[in-house]
């Protein structure tokens, strides 16, 4: 039962992060996305569902890319 609860909770937090990614240009969305991926890694290890590690690293990398892109865009606007 705990794995079902964790799965739905982590999915809800991830969707919340995506909402903020598309709603504003702040770093809130990508930061939520990175935090939830850390939780997905813990979930994958605890439940021995190793393929979740692949998705967590893929989504985490995408969020890091988004943060870098936003920082570059902000720096370009300031110059």
C-alpha atoms as a PDB file:
ATOM      1  CA  UNK A   1       0.000   0.000   0.000  1.00  0.00           C
ATOM      2  CA  UNK A   2       2.852   2.419   0.758  1.00  0.00           C
ATOM      3  CA  UNK A   3       4.247   2.076  -2.764  1.00  0.00           C
ATOM      4  CA  UNK A   4       0.883   3.064  -4.255  1.00  0.00           C
ATOM      5  CA  UNK A   5       0.679   6.083  -1.948  1.00  0.00           C
ATOM      6  CA  UNK A   6       4.263   7.121  -2.741  1.00  0.00           C
ATOM      7  CA  UNK A   7       3.725   6.707  -6.454  1.00  0.00           C
ATOM      8  CA  UNK A   8       0.646   8.938  -6.530  1.00  0.00           C
ATOM      9  CA  UNK A   9       2.186  11.524  -4.205  1.00  0.00           C
ATOM     10  CA  UNK A  10       5.413  11.793  -6.188  1.00  0.00           C
ATOM     11  CA  UNK A  11       3.442  12.031  -9.421  1.00  0.00           C
ATOM     12  CA  UNK A  12       1.305  14.841  -7.986  1.00  0.00           C
ATOM     13  CA  UNK A  13       4.386  16.772  -6.864  1.00  0.00           C
ATOM     14  CA  UNK A  14       5.971  16.275 -10.292  1.00  0.00           C
ATOM     15  CA  UNK A  15       2.869  17.562 -12.059  1.00  0.00           C
ATOM     16  CA  UNK A  16       2.874  20.573  -9.728  1.00  0.00           C
ATOM     17  CA  UNK A  17       6.448  21.276 -10.803  1.00  0.00           C
ATOM     18  CA  UNK A  18       5.429  21.059 -14.458  1.00  0.00           C
ATOM     19  CA  UNK A  19       2.554  23.459 -13.804  1.00  0.00           C
ATOM     20  CA  UNK A  20       5.030  26.018 -12.471  1.00  0.00           C
ATOM     21  CA  UNK A  21       7.445  25.390 -15.349  1.00  0.00           C
ATOM     22  CA  UNK A  22       4.801  26.356 -17.879  1.00  0.00           C
ATOM     23  CA  UNK A  23       3.080  29.019 -15.782  1.00  0.00           C
ATOM     24  CA  UNK A  24       6.022  31.303 -15.053  1.00  0.00           C
ATOM     25  CA  UNK A  25       9.640  31.943 -15.847  1.00  0.00           C
ATOM     26  CA  UNK A  26      10.724  31.531 -12.233  1.00  0.00           C
ATOM     27  CA  UNK A  27      12.921  28.662 -11.084  1.00  0.00           C
ATOM     28  CA  UNK A  28      10.171  27.254  -8.840  1.00  0.00           C
ATOM     29  CA  UNK A  29       9.000  24.629 -11.321  1.00  0.00           C
ATOM     30  CA  UNK A  30      12.396  23.202 -12.241  1.00  0.00           C
ATOM     31  CA  UNK A  31      13.488  23.214  -8.590  1.00  0.00           C
ATOM     32  CA  UNK A  32      10.364  21.271  -7.588  1.00  0.00           C
ATOM     33  CA  UNK A  33      11.136  18.914 -10.464  1.00  0.00           C
ATOM     34  CA  UNK A  34      14.660  18.278  -9.199  1.00  0.00           C
ATOM     35  CA  UNK A  35      13.510  17.707  -5.620  1.00  0.00           C
ATOM     36  CA  UNK A  36      10.866  15.223  -6.702  1.00  0.00           C
ATOM     37  CA  UNK A  37      13.441  13.335  -8.778  1.00  0.00           C
ATOM     38  CA  UNK A  38      15.565  12.877  -5.666  1.00  0.00           C
ATOM     39  CA  UNK A  39      12.470  11.385  -4.028  1.00  0.00           C
ATOM     40  CA  UNK A  40      11.912   9.132  -7.069  1.00  0.00           C
ATOM     41  CA  UNK A  41      15.483   7.853  -6.697  1.00  0.00           C
ATOM     42  CA  UNK A  42      14.764   6.989  -3.069  1.00  0.00           C
ATOM     43  CA  UNK A  43      11.513   5.312  -4.130  1.00  0.00           C
ATOM     44  CA  UNK A  44      13.280   3.304  -6.831  1.00  0.00           C
ATOM     45  CA  UNK A  45      15.915   2.085  -4.406  1.00  0.00           C
ATOM     46  CA  UNK A  46      13.430   1.300  -1.633  1.00  0.00           C
ATOM     47  CA  UNK A  47      11.129  -0.666  -3.941  1.00  0.00           C
ATOM     48  CA  UNK A  48      13.931  -2.108  -6.098  1.00  0.00           C
ATOM     49  CA  UNK A  49      12.293  -0.752  -9.231  1.00  0.00           C
ATOM     50  CA  UNK A  50      15.531   0.167 -10.926  1.00  0.00           C
ATOM     51  CA  UNK A  51      14.048   1.580 -14.139  1.00  0.00           C
ATOM     52  CA  UNK A  52      12.706   4.502 -12.113  1.00  0.00           C
ATOM     53  CA  UNK A  53      16.341   5.567 -11.698  1.00  0.00           C
ATOM     54  CA  UNK A  54      16.641   6.052 -15.452  1.00  0.00           C
ATOM     55  CA  UNK A  55      13.546   8.244 -15.607  1.00  0.00           C
ATOM     56  CA  UNK A  56      14.586  10.200 -12.499  1.00  0.00           C
ATOM     57  CA  UNK A  57      17.972  11.038 -14.014  1.00  0.00           C
ATOM     58  CA  UNK A  58      16.371  11.929 -17.358  1.00  0.00           C
ATOM     59  CA  UNK A  59      13.789  14.247 -15.782  1.00  0.00           C
ATOM     60  CA  UNK A  60      16.362  15.695 -13.381  1.00  0.00           C
ATOM     61  CA  UNK A  61      18.725  16.436 -16.259  1.00  0.00           C
ATOM     62  CA  UNK A  62      15.929  18.083 -18.191  1.00  0.00           C
ATOM     63  CA  UNK A  63      15.138  20.295 -15.212  1.00  0.00           C
ATOM     64  CA  UNK A  64      18.801  21.258 -14.824  1.00  0.00           C
ATOM     65  CA  UNK A  65      18.890  22.144 -18.526  1.00  0.00           C
ATOM     66  CA  UNK A  66      15.794  24.308 -18.024  1.00  0.00           C
ATOM     67  CA  UNK A  67      17.408  26.134 -15.124  1.00  0.00           C
ATOM     68  CA  UNK A  68      20.576  26.785 -17.141  1.00  0.00           C
ATOM     69  CA  UNK A  69      18.545  28.025 -20.105  1.00  0.00           C
ATOM     70  CA  UNK A  70      16.520  30.399 -17.936  1.00  0.00           C
ATOM     71  CA  UNK A  71      19.659  31.764 -16.305  1.00  0.00           C
ATOM     72  CA  UNK A  72      21.224  32.407 -19.720  1.00  0.00           C
ATOM     73  CA  UNK A  73      18.073  34.150 -20.915  1.00  0.00           C
ATOM     74  CA  UNK A  74      17.997  36.306 -17.788  1.00  0.00           C
ATOM     75  CA  UNK A  75      21.681  37.202 -18.193  1.00  0.00           C
ATOM     76  CA  UNK A  76      21.101  38.117 -21.855  1.00  0.00           C
ATOM     77  CA  UNK A  77      18.189  40.392 -20.914  1.00  0.00           C
ATOM     78  CA  UNK A  78      20.301  42.182 -18.328  1.00  0.00           C
ATOM     79  CA  UNK A  79      23.023  43.089 -20.831  1.00  0.00           C
END
